[in-house]
């Protein structure tokens, strides 16, 4: 019995749940997803680490729902370029943060590593470039053997 191929169109953003932010004071939340897996466009498993930096507005991330959302992606066939954009849009829609930065560092594939970044503060992403700290962040790459 052949399993139906699930694509990016099957990603269920409704799995993400928010809880009220317990304060109106500014703070930063950092989340690391060290075992992110999905199926690349050739239906072969791809592996990455996701780093999420989140400045909450009125809502914060309910971590169990984030885990369920991420877990569903293990059986989704998509390019990582498409996937990071879908994850970004889903998180932005549900949580409406003051700012959010999403970084995906993909394990080497065919001898090539990739790092993708999206920041809601970027003007090209509809941001106001209020923070500007991303302009001074130096990329650090770790060697994986």
Protein backbone atom coordinates (compact mmCIF):
# COMPACT_ATOMS: atom_id res chain seq x y z
CA UNK A 1 0.00 0.00 0.00
CA UNK A 2 1.57 3.28 -1.13
CA UNK A 3 1.31 6.28 1.18
CA UNK A 4 -0.03 9.52 -0.28
CA UNK A 5 2.69 12.11 -0.74
CA UNK A 6 2.06 15.15 1.45
CA UNK A 7 3.37 18.50 0.24
CA UNK A 8 3.66 22.01 1.64
CA UNK A 9 -0.03 22.52 0.82
CA UNK A 10 -0.85 19.97 3.54
CA UNK A 11 0.87 21.86 6.37
CA UNK A 12 -1.64 22.51 9.13
CA UNK A 13 -0.97 25.91 10.70
CA UNK A 14 -3.98 25.48 12.99
CA UNK A 15 -1.82 23.20 15.18
CA UNK A 16 -0.10 26.31 16.54
CA UNK A 17 -1.68 27.63 19.75
CA UNK A 18 -1.02 30.86 21.59
CA UNK A 19 -1.27 31.72 25.26
CA UNK A 20 -1.61 35.24 26.66
CA UNK A 21 1.62 37.08 27.37
CA UNK A 22 1.76 37.45 31.17
CA UNK A 23 3.36 40.92 30.94
CA UNK A 24 3.36 43.98 28.75
CA UNK A 25 7.09 44.52 29.39
CA UNK A 26 9.62 43.81 26.63
CA UNK A 27 11.59 40.56 26.67
CA UNK A 28 13.12 38.05 24.27
CA UNK A 29 12.39 34.34 23.92
CA UNK A 30 14.91 32.06 22.18
CA UNK A 31 13.83 28.62 21.01
CA UNK A 32 16.09 25.98 19.48
CA UNK A 33 14.70 23.04 17.52
CA UNK A 34 17.78 20.81 17.17
CA UNK A 35 16.19 17.83 15.40
CA UNK A 36 14.15 19.40 12.62
CA UNK A 37 13.46 16.87 9.86
CA UNK A 38 11.46 16.99 6.63
CA UNK A 39 11.45 15.36 3.23
CA UNK A 40 13.34 17.20 0.54
CA UNK A 41 12.02 17.50 -2.99
CA UNK A 42 13.51 14.10 -3.87
CA UNK A 43 11.55 12.58 -0.93
CA UNK A 44 14.79 11.98 0.95
CA UNK A 45 15.05 13.06 4.59
CA UNK A 46 16.66 16.41 5.26
CA UNK A 47 17.87 17.57 8.66
CA UNK A 48 18.30 21.04 10.11
CA UNK A 49 18.47 23.07 13.30
CA UNK A 50 15.97 25.91 13.69
CA UNK A 51 16.68 28.92 15.87
CA UNK A 52 13.72 31.15 16.69
CA UNK A 53 14.18 34.53 18.37
CA UNK A 54 10.84 35.91 19.45
CA UNK A 55 9.82 39.27 20.94
CA UNK A 56 6.25 38.71 22.09
CA UNK A 57 3.35 41.09 21.74
CA UNK A 58 0.09 40.07 23.41
CA UNK A 59 0.67 36.34 22.78
CA UNK A 60 3.40 33.81 23.46
CA UNK A 61 4.10 30.41 21.95
CA UNK A 62 2.52 27.36 23.54
CA UNK A 63 5.53 25.03 23.18
CA UNK A 64 3.57 21.77 22.97
CA UNK A 65 1.68 23.05 19.94
CA UNK A 66 4.94 24.21 18.33
CA UNK A 67 6.32 20.71 18.83
CA UNK A 68 3.23 19.18 17.18
CA UNK A 69 3.43 21.65 14.29
CA UNK A 70 7.11 20.90 13.71
CA UNK A 71 6.57 17.15 14.07
CA UNK A 72 4.02 17.11 11.22
CA UNK A 73 6.70 18.42 8.87
CA UNK A 74 8.63 15.13 9.05
CA UNK A 75 6.32 13.73 6.39
CA UNK A 76 6.05 16.83 4.21
CA UNK A 77 7.84 17.01 0.86
CA UNK A 78 9.14 20.55 0.32
CA UNK A 79 12.25 22.52 -0.44
CA UNK A 80 13.79 24.17 2.60
CA UNK A 81 13.44 27.57 0.91
CA UNK A 82 9.67 27.09 0.73
CA UNK A 83 9.49 25.50 4.17
CA UNK A 84 11.20 28.34 6.07
CA UNK A 85 8.81 30.83 4.47
CA UNK A 86 5.73 28.80 5.38
CA UNK A 87 6.90 28.31 8.97
CA UNK A 88 7.64 32.04 9.24
CA UNK A 89 4.22 33.05 7.89
CA UNK A 90 2.37 30.57 10.12
CA UNK A 91 4.22 31.74 13.26
CA UNK A 92 3.71 35.41 12.40
CA UNK A 93 0.00 34.91 11.75
CA UNK A 94 -0.72 33.05 15.00
CA UNK A 95 1.55 34.90 17.45
CA UNK A 96 1.72 38.46 16.03
CA UNK A 97 5.09 39.16 17.69
CA UNK A 98 6.74 42.54 17.97
CA UNK A 99 9.65 40.95 16.17
CA UNK A 100 10.63 37.45 15.10
CA UNK A 101 13.83 36.07 13.60
CA UNK A 102 13.90 32.57 12.15
CA UNK A 103 17.16 30.85 11.20
CA UNK A 104 17.41 27.39 9.63
CA UNK A 105 20.82 25.74 9.37
CA UNK A 106 20.59 22.71 7.12
CA UNK A 107 22.92 19.74 7.44
CA UNK A 108 25.25 19.16 4.50
CA UNK A 109 23.68 17.59 1.45
CA UNK A 110 25.97 16.58 -1.38
CA UNK A 111 28.83 18.39 0.36
CA UNK A 112 26.98 21.73 0.61
CA UNK A 113 25.58 23.36 3.77
CA UNK A 114 22.90 26.05 3.80
CA UNK A 115 21.76 28.71 6.25
CA UNK A 116 18.49 30.55 5.72
CA UNK A 117 17.32 33.56 7.74
CA UNK A 118 14.13 35.64 7.86
CA UNK A 119 13.63 38.62 10.19
CA UNK A 120 10.28 40.38 10.54
CA UNK A 121 12.14 43.67 11.11
CA UNK A 122 13.45 43.71 7.55
CA UNK A 123 11.73 46.35 5.44
CA UNK A 124 11.41 43.87 2.59
CA UNK A 125 9.37 41.67 4.98
CA UNK A 126 7.09 44.54 5.99
CA UNK A 127 9.19 45.57 8.99
CA UNK A 128 10.29 49.04 9.98
CA UNK A 129 13.99 48.19 10.54
CA UNK A 130 13.68 49.55 14.07
CA UNK A 131 16.21 47.17 15.53
CA UNK A 132 18.98 47.12 12.90
CA UNK A 133 21.05 44.71 14.99
CA UNK A 134 20.82 42.10 12.23
CA UNK A 135 23.11 44.27 10.11
CA UNK A 136 25.94 43.67 12.58
CA UNK A 137 25.44 39.99 13.33
CA UNK A 138 28.41 37.97 12.11
CA UNK A 139 27.67 34.57 10.68
CA UNK A 140 29.12 31.70 12.62
CA UNK A 141 29.28 28.35 10.92
CA UNK A 142 30.04 25.21 12.76
CA UNK A 143 31.85 22.31 11.14
CA UNK A 144 29.90 19.06 11.08
CA UNK A 145 31.74 15.83 10.51
